[in-house]
Amino acid sequence: MPRKTKAQIKEERKKEVEGILDQVKSLLSRICGDLGVPRNIRKIAQESIDTIEKLDDKENSPAIVASTSVSLLEDIIQDLNCPGHTRTAIYQILSLLEQIRDY
């Protein structure tokens, strides 16, 4: 089996990061659409989605976007009004975002 070139490895990593970000956006969209979640938490979830979508504009690297989203979401976890199921979803999102590194 031939060795992969750096370009091939970079392309695979890019696809992996895009898949992770798609999962994160899907989970955050569910939080935004849940009317049982307080408005301030839905707003922060939407801000996190907007931050992730900035990556499509090539403004920032994936690691910077992920760390920005993590810092936004950590504020939600500290909120006493955050429902338990939302907090669990946010922990799941955080674990996905922590996997992201620059490609």
PDB file of N, CA and C in Angstrom:
ATOM      1  N   MET A   1       0.837  -1.167   0.000  1.00  0.00           N
ATOM      2  CA  MET A   1       0.000   0.000   0.000  1.00  0.00           C
ATOM      3  C   MET A   1       0.892   1.243   0.000  1.00  0.00           C
ATOM      4  N   PRO A   2       0.694   2.135  -0.954  1.00  0.00           N
ATOM      5  CA  PRO A   2       1.547   3.329  -1.030  1.00  0.00           C
ATOM      6  C   PRO A   2       1.248   4.305   0.105  1.00  0.00           C
ATOM      7  N   ARG A   3       2.266   5.040   0.466  1.00  0.00           N
ATOM      8  CA  ARG A   3       2.103   6.027   1.529  1.00  0.00           C
ATOM      9  C   ARG A   3       1.295   7.210   1.018  1.00  0.00           C
ATOM     10  N   LYS A   4       0.578   7.813   1.917  1.00  0.00           N
ATOM     11  CA  LYS A   4      -0.233   8.970   1.557  1.00  0.00           C
ATOM     12  C   LYS A   4       0.640  10.217   1.532  1.00  0.00           C
ATOM     13  N   THR A   5       0.327  11.086   0.605  1.00  0.00           N
ATOM     14  CA  THR A   5       1.046  12.352   0.537  1.00  0.00           C
ATOM     15  C   THR A   5       0.472  13.315   1.575  1.00  0.00           C
ATOM     16  N   LYS A   6       1.205  14.374   1.826  1.00  0.00           N
ATOM     17  CA  LYS A   6       0.730  15.372   2.785  1.00  0.00           C
ATOM     18  C   LYS A   6      -0.583  15.987   2.320  1.00  0.00           C
ATOM     19  N   ALA A   7      -0.717  16.182   1.023  1.00  0.00           N
ATOM     20  CA  ALA A   7      -1.952  16.763   0.486  1.00  0.00           C
ATOM     21  C   ALA A   7      -3.137  15.829   0.716  1.00  0.00           C
ATOM     22  N   GLN A   8      -2.918  14.526   0.561  1.00  0.00           N
ATOM     23  CA  GLN A   8      -3.996  13.562   0.788  1.00  0.00           C
ATOM     24  C   GLN A   8      -4.389  13.530   2.265  1.00  0.00           C
ATOM     25  N   ILE A   9      -3.404  13.559   3.131  1.00  0.00           N
ATOM     26  CA  ILE A   9      -3.676  13.557   4.569  1.00  0.00           C
ATOM     27  C   ILE A   9      -4.432  14.826   4.959  1.00  0.00           C
ATOM     28  N   LYS A  10      -4.005  15.958   4.405  1.00  0.00           N
ATOM     29  CA  LYS A  10      -4.666  17.227   4.700  1.00  0.00           C
ATOM     30  C   LYS A  10      -6.115  17.208   4.218  1.00  0.00           C
ATOM     31  N   GLU A  11      -6.354  16.650   3.044  1.00  0.00           N
ATOM     32  CA  GLU A  11      -7.714  16.577   2.498  1.00  0.00           C
ATOM     33  C   GLU A  11      -8.597  15.666   3.349  1.00  0.00           C
ATOM     34  N   GLU A  12      -8.055  14.533   3.802  1.00  0.00           N
ATOM     35  CA  GLU A  12      -8.812  13.636   4.679  1.00  0.00           C
ATOM     36  C   GLU A  12      -9.151  14.327   5.995  1.00  0.00           C
ATOM     37  N   ARG A  13      -8.196  15.035   6.542  1.00  0.00           N
ATOM     38  CA  ARG A  13      -8.414  15.748   7.807  1.00  0.00           C
ATOM     39  C   ARG A  13      -9.469  16.841   7.632  1.00  0.00           C
ATOM     40  N   LYS A  14      -9.414  17.522   6.491  1.00  0.00           N
ATOM     41  CA  LYS A  14     -10.389  18.576   6.211  1.00  0.00           C
ATOM     42  C   LYS A  14     -11.800  17.999   6.145  1.00  0.00           C
ATOM     43  N   LYS A  15     -11.959  16.841   5.494  1.00  0.00           N
ATOM     44  CA  LYS A  15     -13.269  16.191   5.406  1.00  0.00           C
ATOM     45  C   LYS A  15     -13.750  15.755   6.788  1.00  0.00           C
ATOM     46  N   GLU A  16     -12.831  15.259   7.598  1.00  0.00           N
ATOM     47  CA  GLU A  16     -13.174  14.837   8.961  1.00  0.00           C
ATOM     48  C   GLU A  16     -13.657  16.028   9.791  1.00  0.00           C
ATOM     49  N   VAL A  17     -12.952  17.149   9.690  1.00  0.00           N
ATOM     50  CA  VAL A  17     -13.336  18.358  10.424  1.00  0.00           C
ATOM     51  C   VAL A  17     -14.695  18.858   9.948  1.00  0.00           C
ATOM     52  N   GLU A  18     -14.928  18.833   8.639  1.00  0.00           N
ATOM     53  CA  GLU A  18     -16.219  19.269   8.104  1.00  0.00           C
ATOM     54  C   GLU A  18     -17.348  18.384   8.615  1.00  0.00           C
ATOM     55  N   GLY A  19     -17.096  17.078   8.721  1.00  0.00           N
ATOM     56  CA  GLY A  19     -18.101  16.166   9.258  1.00  0.00           C
ATOM     57  C   GLY A  19     -18.422  16.465  10.712  1.00  0.00           C
ATOM     58  N   ILE A  20     -17.389  16.727  11.494  1.00  0.00           N
ATOM     59  CA  ILE A  20     -17.586  17.065  12.905  1.00  0.00           C
ATOM     60  C   ILE A  20     -18.385  18.358  13.029  1.00  0.00           C
ATOM     61  N   LEU A  21     -18.028  19.355  12.232  1.00  0.00           N
ATOM     62  CA  LEU A  21     -18.730  20.636  12.307  1.00  0.00           C
ATOM     63  C   LEU A  21     -20.184  20.507  11.862  1.00  0.00           C
ATOM     64  N   ASP A  22     -20.457  19.633  10.903  1.00  0.00           N
ATOM     65  CA  ASP A  22     -21.848  19.388  10.499  1.00  0.00           C
ATOM     66  C   ASP A  22     -22.643  18.783  11.652  1.00  0.00           C
ATOM     67  N   GLN A  23     -22.031  17.840  12.372  1.00  0.00           N
ATOM     68  CA  GLN A  23     -22.695  17.247  13.539  1.00  0.00           C
ATOM     69  C   GLN A  23     -22.972  18.311  14.600  1.00  0.00           C
ATOM     70  N   VAL A  24     -21.989  19.152  14.841  1.00  0.00           N
ATOM     71  CA  VAL A  24     -22.124  20.199  15.852  1.00  0.00           C
ATOM     72  C   VAL A  24     -23.245  21.160  15.466  1.00  0.00           C
ATOM     73  N   LYS A  25     -23.264  21.578  14.192  1.00  0.00           N
ATOM     74  CA  LYS A  25     -24.321  22.495  13.751  1.00  0.00           C
ATOM     75  C   LYS A  25     -25.694  21.858  13.887  1.00  0.00           C
ATOM     76  N   SER A  26     -25.788  20.572  13.606  1.00  0.00           N
ATOM     77  CA  SER A  26     -27.066  19.873  13.732  1.00  0.00           C
ATOM     78  C   SER A  26     -27.539  19.861  15.186  1.00  0.00           C
ATOM     79  N   LEU A  27     -26.641  19.541  16.101  1.00  0.00           N
ATOM     80  CA  LEU A  27     -27.001  19.520  17.521  1.00  0.00           C
ATOM     81  C   LEU A  27     -27.365  20.919  18.033  1.00  0.00           C
ATOM     82  N   LEU A  28     -26.615  21.913  17.597  1.00  0.00           N
ATOM     83  CA  LEU A  28     -26.915  23.281  18.019  1.00  0.00           C
ATOM     84  C   LEU A  28     -28.247  23.760  17.444  1.00  0.00           C
ATOM     85  N   SER A  29     -28.562  23.338  16.229  1.00  0.00           N
ATOM     86  CA  SER A  29     -29.844  23.710  15.620  1.00  0.00           C
ATOM     87  C   SER A  29     -31.004  23.133  16.412  1.00  0.00           C
ATOM     88  N   ARG A  30     -30.818  21.918  16.922  1.00  0.00           N
ATOM     89  CA  ARG A  30     -31.860  21.317  17.764  1.00  0.00           C
ATOM     90  C   ARG A  30     -32.082  22.138  19.032  1.00  0.00           C
ATOM     91  N   ILE A  31     -30.993  22.606  19.618  1.00  0.00           N
ATOM     92  CA  ILE A  31     -31.116  23.436  20.817  1.00  0.00           C
ATOM     93  C   ILE A  31     -31.840  24.738  20.475  1.00  0.00           C
ATOM     94  N   CYS A  32     -31.487  25.340  19.346  1.00  0.00           N
ATOM     95  CA  CYS A  32     -32.127  26.599  18.940  1.00  0.00           C
ATOM     96  C   CYS A  32     -33.618  26.419  18.674  1.00  0.00           C
ATOM     97  N   GLY A  33     -34.005  25.256  18.205  1.00  0.00           N
ATOM     98  CA  GLY A  33     -35.399  25.004  17.881  1.00  0.00           C
ATOM     99  C   GLY A  33     -36.240  24.522  19.044  1.00  0.00           C
ATOM    100  N   ASP A  34     -35.615  24.215  20.162  1.00  0.00           N
ATOM    101  CA  ASP A  34     -36.328  23.696  21.330  1.00  0.00           C
ATOM    102  C   ASP A  34     -36.885  24.860  22.150  1.00  0.00           C
ATOM    103  N   LEU A  35     -38.204  24.992  22.167  1.00  0.00           N
ATOM    104  CA  LEU A  35     -38.831  26.097  22.894  1.00  0.00           C
ATOM    105  C   LEU A  35     -38.783  25.913  24.410  1.00  0.00           C
ATOM    106  N   GLY A  36     -38.390  24.732  24.869  1.00  0.00           N
ATOM    107  CA  GLY A  36     -38.230  24.492  26.298  1.00  0.00           C
ATOM    108  C   GLY A  36     -36.912  25.014  26.834  1.00  0.00           C
ATOM    109  N   VAL A  37     -36.067  25.479  25.928  1.00  0.00           N
ATOM    110  CA  VAL A  37     -34.761  26.021  26.307  1.00  0.00           C
ATOM    111  C   VAL A  37     -34.907  27.542  26.430  1.00  0.00           C
ATOM    112  N   PRO A  38     -34.377  28.137  27.495  1.00  0.00           N
ATOM    113  CA  PRO A  38     -34.477  29.593  27.651  1.00  0.00           C
ATOM    114  C   PRO A  38     -33.883  30.354  26.457  1.00  0.00           C
ATOM    115  N   ARG A  39     -34.447  31.521  26.213  1.00  0.00           N
ATOM    116  CA  ARG A  39     -34.075  32.326  25.050  1.00  0.00           C
ATOM    117  C   ARG A  39     -32.593  32.696  25.038  1.00  0.00           C
ATOM    118  N   ASN A  40     -32.030  33.031  26.192  1.00  0.00           N
ATOM    119  CA  ASN A  40     -30.622  33.422  26.220  1.00  0.00           C
ATOM    120  C   ASN A  40     -29.711  32.257  25.819  1.00  0.00           C
ATOM    121  N   ILE A  41     -30.095  31.046  26.163  1.00  0.00           N
ATOM    122  CA  ILE A  41     -29.302  29.871  25.801  1.00  0.00           C
ATOM    123  C   ILE A  41     -29.435  29.595  24.305  1.00  0.00           C
ATOM    124  N   ARG A  42     -30.643  29.741  23.780  1.00  0.00           N
ATOM    125  CA  ARG A  42     -30.834  29.562  22.329  1.00  0.00           C
ATOM    126  C   ARG A  42     -30.038  30.605  21.555  1.00  0.00           C
ATOM    127  N   LYS A  43     -29.971  31.818  22.085  1.00  0.00           N
ATOM    128  CA  LYS A  43     -29.216  32.890  21.425  1.00  0.00           C
ATOM    129  C   LYS A  43     -27.726  32.549  21.368  1.00  0.00           C
ATOM    130  N   ILE A  44     -27.181  32.055  22.453  1.00  0.00           N
ATOM    131  CA  ILE A  44     -25.762  31.688  22.477  1.00  0.00           C
ATOM    132  C   ILE A  44     -25.502  30.509  21.542  1.00  0.00           C
ATOM    133  N   ALA A  45     -26.434  29.559  21.490  1.00  0.00           N
ATOM    134  CA  ALA A  45     -26.292  28.432  20.563  1.00  0.00           C
ATOM    135  C   ALA A  45     -26.282  28.935  19.124  1.00  0.00           C
ATOM    136  N   GLN A  46     -27.130  29.918  18.816  1.00  0.00           N
ATOM    137  CA  GLN A  46     -27.147  30.487  17.467  1.00  0.00           C
ATOM    138  C   GLN A  46     -25.849  31.230  17.173  1.00  0.00           C
ATOM    139  N   GLU A  47     -25.309  31.942  18.158  1.00  0.00           N
ATOM    140  CA  GLU A  47     -24.021  32.619  17.988  1.00  0.00           C
ATOM    141  C   GLU A  47     -22.921  31.607  17.681  1.00  0.00           C
ATOM    142  N   SER A  48     -22.991  30.463  18.320  1.00  0.00           N
ATOM    143  CA  SER A  48     -22.004  29.417  18.077  1.00  0.00           C
ATOM    144  C   SER A  48     -22.134  28.873  16.653  1.00  0.00           C
ATOM    145  N   ILE A  49     -23.369  28.702  16.179  1.00  0.00           N
ATOM    146  CA  ILE A  49     -23.585  28.269  14.790  1.00  0.00           C
ATOM    147  C   ILE A  49     -23.003  29.305  13.837  1.00  0.00           C
ATOM    148  N   ASP A  50     -23.256  30.578  14.105  1.00  0.00           N
ATOM    149  CA  ASP A  50     -22.727  31.646  13.252  1.00  0.00           C
ATOM    150  C   ASP A  50     -21.201  31.635  13.239  1.00  0.00           C
ATOM    151  N   THR A  51     -20.595  31.359  14.381  1.00  0.00           N
ATOM    152  CA  THR A  51     -19.136  31.279  14.465  1.00  0.00           C
ATOM    153  C   THR A  51     -18.608  30.139  13.605  1.00  0.00           C
ATOM    154  N   ILE A  52     -19.285  29.006  13.657  1.00  0.00           N
ATOM    155  CA  ILE A  52     -18.860  27.853  12.862  1.00  0.00           C
ATOM    156  C   ILE A  52     -19.013  28.146  11.377  1.00  0.00           C
ATOM    157  N   GLU A  53     -20.068  28.846  11.012  1.00  0.00           N
ATOM    158  CA  GLU A  53     -20.280  29.162   9.602  1.00  0.00           C
ATOM    159  C   GLU A  53     -19.266  30.166   9.077  1.00  0.00           C
ATOM    160  N   LYS A  54     -18.600  30.913   9.957  1.00  0.00           N
ATOM    161  CA  LYS A  54     -17.531  31.814   9.529  1.00  0.00           C
ATOM    162  C   LYS A  54     -16.371  31.037   8.927  1.00  0.00           C
ATOM    163  N   LEU A  55     -16.230  29.785   9.322  1.00  0.00           N
ATOM    164  CA  LEU A  55     -15.153  28.958   8.781  1.00  0.00           C
ATOM    165  C   LEU A  55     -15.317  28.789   7.282  1.00  0.00           C
ATOM    166  N   ASP A  56     -16.569  28.757   6.812  1.00  0.00           N
ATOM    167  CA  ASP A  56     -16.818  28.634   5.383  1.00  0.00           C
ATOM    168  C   ASP A  56     -16.298  29.844   4.620  1.00  0.00           C
ATOM    169  N   ASP A  57     -16.198  30.987   5.293  1.00  0.00           N
ATOM    170  CA  ASP A  57     -15.688  32.204   4.666  1.00  0.00           C
ATOM    171  C   ASP A  57     -14.159  32.242   4.646  1.00  0.00           C
ATOM    172  N   LYS A  58     -13.524  31.230   5.215  1.00  0.00           N
ATOM    173  CA  LYS A  58     -12.061  31.111   5.269  1.00  0.00           C
ATOM    174  C   LYS A  58     -11.411  32.225   6.086  1.00  0.00           C
ATOM    175  N   GLU A  59     -12.154  32.801   7.035  1.00  0.00           N
ATOM    176  CA  GLU A  59     -11.581  33.855   7.868  1.00  0.00           C
ATOM    177  C   GLU A  59     -10.642  33.293   8.931  1.00  0.00           C
ATOM    178  N   ASN A  60     -11.021  32.182   9.525  1.00  0.00           N
ATOM    179  CA  ASN A  60     -10.261  31.625  10.643  1.00  0.00           C
ATOM    180  C   ASN A  60      -9.979  30.147  10.409  1.00  0.00           C
ATOM    181  N   SER A  61      -9.021  29.640  11.149  1.00  0.00           N
ATOM    182  CA  SER A  61      -8.716  28.215  11.062  1.00  0.00           C
ATOM    183  C   SER A  61      -9.758  27.431  11.859  1.00  0.00           C
ATOM    184  N   PRO A  62      -9.899  26.130  11.582  1.00  0.00           N
ATOM    185  CA  PRO A  62     -10.874  25.315  12.314  1.00  0.00           C
ATOM    186  C   PRO A  62     -10.635  25.297  13.820  1.00  0.00           C
ATOM    187  N   ALA A  63      -9.383  25.295  14.240  1.00  0.00           N
ATOM    188  CA  ALA A  63      -9.084  25.255  15.673  1.00  0.00           C
ATOM    189  C   ALA A  63      -9.536  26.533  16.375  1.00  0.00           C
ATOM    190  N   ILE A  64      -9.382  27.671  15.718  1.00  0.00           N
ATOM    191  CA  ILE A  64      -9.813  28.939  16.307  1.00  0.00           C
ATOM    192  C   ILE A  64     -11.329  28.987  16.404  1.00  0.00           C
ATOM    193  N   VAL A  65     -11.997  28.540  15.348  1.00  0.00           N
ATOM    194  CA  VAL A  65     -13.462  28.509  15.345  1.00  0.00           C
ATOM    195  C   VAL A  65     -13.967  27.583  16.448  1.00  0.00           C
ATOM    196  N   ALA A  66     -13.344  26.416  16.575  1.00  0.00           N
ATOM    197  CA  ALA A  66     -13.760  25.458  17.600  1.00  0.00           C
ATOM    198  C   ALA A  66     -13.547  26.026  18.999  1.00  0.00           C
ATOM    199  N   SER A  67     -12.412  26.651  19.235  1.00  0.00           N
ATOM    200  CA  SER A  67     -12.148  27.189  20.575  1.00  0.00           C
ATOM    201  C   SER A  67     -13.082  28.352  20.905  1.00  0.00           C
ATOM    202  N   THR A  68     -13.429  29.150  19.907  1.00  0.00           N
ATOM    203  CA  THR A  68     -14.392  30.231  20.129  1.00  0.00           C
ATOM    204  C   THR A  68     -15.754  29.664  20.491  1.00  0.00           C
ATOM    205  N   SER A  69     -16.169  28.633  19.774  1.00  0.00           N
ATOM    206  CA  SER A  69     -17.454  27.992  20.066  1.00  0.00           C
ATOM    207  C   SER A  69     -17.441  27.342  21.442  1.00  0.00           C
ATOM    208  N   VAL A  70     -16.333  26.724  21.802  1.00  0.00           N
ATOM    209  CA  VAL A  70     -16.216  26.095  23.124  1.00  0.00           C
ATOM    210  C   VAL A  70     -16.385  27.143  24.219  1.00  0.00           C
ATOM    211  N   SER A  71     -15.748  28.288  24.062  1.00  0.00           N
ATOM    212  CA  SER A  71     -15.864  29.318  25.105  1.00  0.00           C
ATOM    213  C   SER A  71     -17.293  29.844  25.211  1.00  0.00           C
ATOM    214  N   LEU A  72     -17.996  29.963  24.079  1.00  0.00           N
ATOM    215  CA  LEU A  72     -19.399  30.382  24.126  1.00  0.00           C
ATOM    216  C   LEU A  72     -20.255  29.339  24.839  1.00  0.00           C
ATOM    217  N   LEU A  73     -20.031  28.073  24.510  1.00  0.00           N
ATOM    218  CA  LEU A  73     -20.857  27.005  25.066  1.00  0.00           C
ATOM    219  C   LEU A  73     -20.570  26.754  26.543  1.00  0.00           C
ATOM    220  N   GLU A  74     -19.349  27.014  26.982  1.00  0.00           N
ATOM    221  CA  GLU A  74     -19.039  26.844  28.398  1.00  0.00           C
ATOM    222  C   GLU A  74     -19.825  27.830  29.258  1.00  0.00           C
ATOM    223  N   ASP A  75     -20.158  28.981  28.686  1.00  0.00           N
ATOM    224  CA  ASP A  75     -21.001  29.935  29.413  1.00  0.00           C
ATOM    225  C   ASP A  75     -22.391  29.360  29.645  1.00  0.00           C
ATOM    226  N   ILE A  76     -22.903  28.599  28.681  1.00  0.00           N
ATOM    227  CA  ILE A  76     -24.237  28.003  28.816  1.00  0.00           C
ATOM    228  C   ILE A  76     -24.244  26.986  29.953  1.00  0.00           C
ATOM    229  N   ILE A  77     -23.203  26.193  30.047  1.00  0.00           N
ATOM    230  CA  ILE A  77     -23.155  25.146  31.065  1.00  0.00           C
ATOM    231  C   ILE A  77     -23.230  25.747  32.470  1.00  0.00           C
ATOM    232  N   GLN A  78     -22.663  26.925  32.646  1.00  0.00           N
ATOM    233  CA  GLN A  78     -22.673  27.583  33.955  1.00  0.00           C
ATOM    234  C   GLN A  78     -24.031  28.199  34.299  1.00  0.00           C
ATOM    235  N   ASP A  79     -24.906  28.336  33.293  1.00  0.00           N
ATOM    236  CA  ASP A  79     -26.221  28.956  33.501  1.00  0.00           C
ATOM    237  C   ASP A  79     -27.124  28.019  34.294  1.00  0.00           C
ATOM    238  N   LEU A  80     -27.665  28.506  35.387  1.00  0.00           N
ATOM    239  CA  LEU A  80     -28.537  27.684  36.231  1.00  0.00           C
ATOM    240  C   LEU A  80     -29.865  27.358  35.558  1.00  0.00           C
ATOM    241  N   ASN A  81     -30.275  28.156  34.586  1.00  0.00           N
ATOM    242  CA  ASN A  81     -31.539  27.930  33.892  1.00  0.00           C
ATOM    243  C   ASN A  81     -31.431  26.886  32.787  1.00  0.00           C
ATOM    244  N   CYS A  82     -30.252  26.374  32.543  1.00  0.00           N
ATOM    245  CA  CYS A  82     -30.049  25.408  31.461  1.00  0.00           C
ATOM    246  C   CYS A  82     -30.691  24.069  31.830  1.00  0.00           C
ATOM    247  N   PRO A  83     -31.627  23.585  31.000  1.00  0.00           N
ATOM    248  CA  PRO A  83     -32.244  22.279  31.272  1.00  0.00           C
ATOM    249  C   PRO A  83     -31.211  21.152  31.194  1.00  0.00           C
ATOM    250  N   GLY A  84     -31.473  20.077  31.890  1.00  0.00           N
ATOM    251  CA  GLY A  84     -30.536  18.952  31.935  1.00  0.00           C
ATOM    252  C   GLY A  84     -30.255  18.348  30.574  1.00  0.00           C
ATOM    253  N   HIS A  85     -31.296  18.175  29.757  1.00  0.00           N
ATOM    254  CA  HIS A  85     -31.081  17.566  28.441  1.00  0.00           C
ATOM    255  C   HIS A  85     -30.258  18.479  27.535  1.00  0.00           C
ATOM    256  N   THR A  86     -30.396  19.782  27.715  1.00  0.00           N
ATOM    257  CA  THR A  86     -29.601  20.728  26.925  1.00  0.00           C
ATOM    258  C   THR A  86     -28.149  20.696  27.379  1.00  0.00           C
ATOM    259  N   ARG A  87     -27.950  20.614  28.682  1.00  0.00           N
ATOM    260  CA  ARG A  87     -26.584  20.547  29.217  1.00  0.00           C
ATOM    261  C   ARG A  87     -25.877  19.290  28.702  1.00  0.00           C
ATOM    262  N   THR A  88     -26.598  18.173  28.649  1.00  0.00           N
ATOM    263  CA  THR A  88     -26.027  16.930  28.126  1.00  0.00           C
ATOM    264  C   THR A  88     -25.649  17.087  26.660  1.00  0.00           C
ATOM    265  N   ALA A  89     -26.525  17.723  25.874  1.00  0.00           N
ATOM    266  CA  ALA A  89     -26.234  17.952  24.454  1.00  0.00           C
ATOM    267  C   ALA A  89     -25.014  18.852  24.292  1.00  0.00           C
ATOM    268  N   ILE A  90     -24.885  19.840  25.156  1.00  0.00           N
ATOM    269  CA  ILE A  90     -23.740  20.745  25.067  1.00  0.00           C
ATOM    270  C   ILE A  90     -22.445  20.017  25.411  1.00  0.00           C
ATOM    271  N   TYR A  91     -22.485  19.124  26.403  1.00  0.00           N
ATOM    272  CA  TYR A  91     -21.291  18.322  26.699  1.00  0.00           C
ATOM    273  C   TYR A  91     -20.903  17.469  25.490  1.00  0.00           C
ATOM    274  N   GLN A  92     -21.889  16.933  24.808  1.00  0.00           N
ATOM    275  CA  GLN A  92     -21.620  16.146  23.604  1.00  0.00           C
ATOM    276  C   GLN A  92     -20.989  17.032  22.524  1.00  0.00           C
ATOM    277  N   ILE A  93     -21.518  18.232  22.360  1.00  0.00           N
ATOM    278  CA  ILE A  93     -20.970  19.171  21.377  1.00  0.00           C
ATOM    279  C   ILE A  93     -19.535  19.540  21.742  1.00  0.00           C
ATOM    280  N   LEU A  94     -19.287  19.801  23.019  1.00  0.00           N
ATOM    281  CA  LEU A  94     -17.937  20.162  23.454  1.00  0.00           C
ATOM    282  C   LEU A  94     -16.939  19.045  23.175  1.00  0.00           C
ATOM    283  N   SER A  95     -17.358  17.804  23.393  1.00  0.00           N
ATOM    284  CA  SER A  95     -16.441  16.693  23.123  1.00  0.00           C
ATOM    285  C   SER A  95     -16.141  16.593  21.631  1.00  0.00           C
ATOM    286  N   LEU A  96     -17.111  16.911  20.781  1.00  0.00           N
ATOM    287  CA  LEU A  96     -16.862  16.916  19.337  1.00  0.00           C
ATOM    288  C   LEU A  96     -15.915  18.054  18.958  1.00  0.00           C
ATOM    289  N   LEU A  97     -16.145  19.232  19.518  1.00  0.00           N
ATOM    290  CA  LEU A  97     -15.309  20.387  19.176  1.00  0.00           C
ATOM    291  C   LEU A  97     -13.867  20.213  19.640  1.00  0.00           C
ATOM    292  N   GLU A  98     -13.669  19.497  20.732  1.00  0.00           N
ATOM    293  CA  GLU A  98     -12.308  19.303  21.233  1.00  0.00           C
ATOM    294  C   GLU A  98     -11.478  18.396  20.334  1.00  0.00           C
ATOM    295  N   GLN A  99     -12.121  17.683  19.423  1.00  0.00           N
ATOM    296  CA  GLN A  99     -11.402  16.820  18.484  1.00  0.00           C
ATOM    297  C   GLN A  99     -10.798  17.608  17.324  1.00  0.00           C
ATOM    298  N   ILE A 100     -11.224  18.842  17.153  1.00  0.00           N
ATOM    299  CA  ILE A 100     -10.830  19.619  15.973  1.00  0.00           C
ATOM    300  C   ILE A 100      -9.447  20.217  16.164  1.00  0.00           C
ATOM    301  N   ARG A 101      -8.633  19.991  15.186  1.00  0.00           N
ATOM    302  CA  ARG A 101      -7.296  20.575  15.101  1.00  0.00           C
ATOM    303  C   ARG A 101      -7.155  21.172  13.702  1.00  0.00           C
ATOM    304  N   ASP A 102      -6.181  22.028  13.518  1.00  0.00           N
ATOM    305  CA  ASP A 102      -5.946  22.586  12.180  1.00  0.00           C
ATOM    306  C   ASP A 102      -5.513  21.488  11.224  1.00  0.00           C
ATOM    307  N   TYR A 103      -5.907  21.652   9.981  1.00  0.00           N
ATOM    308  CA  TYR A 103      -5.478  20.676   8.965  1.00  0.00           C
ATOM    309  C   TYR A 103      -4.384  21.219   8.114  1.00  0.00           C
TER     310      TYR A 103
END
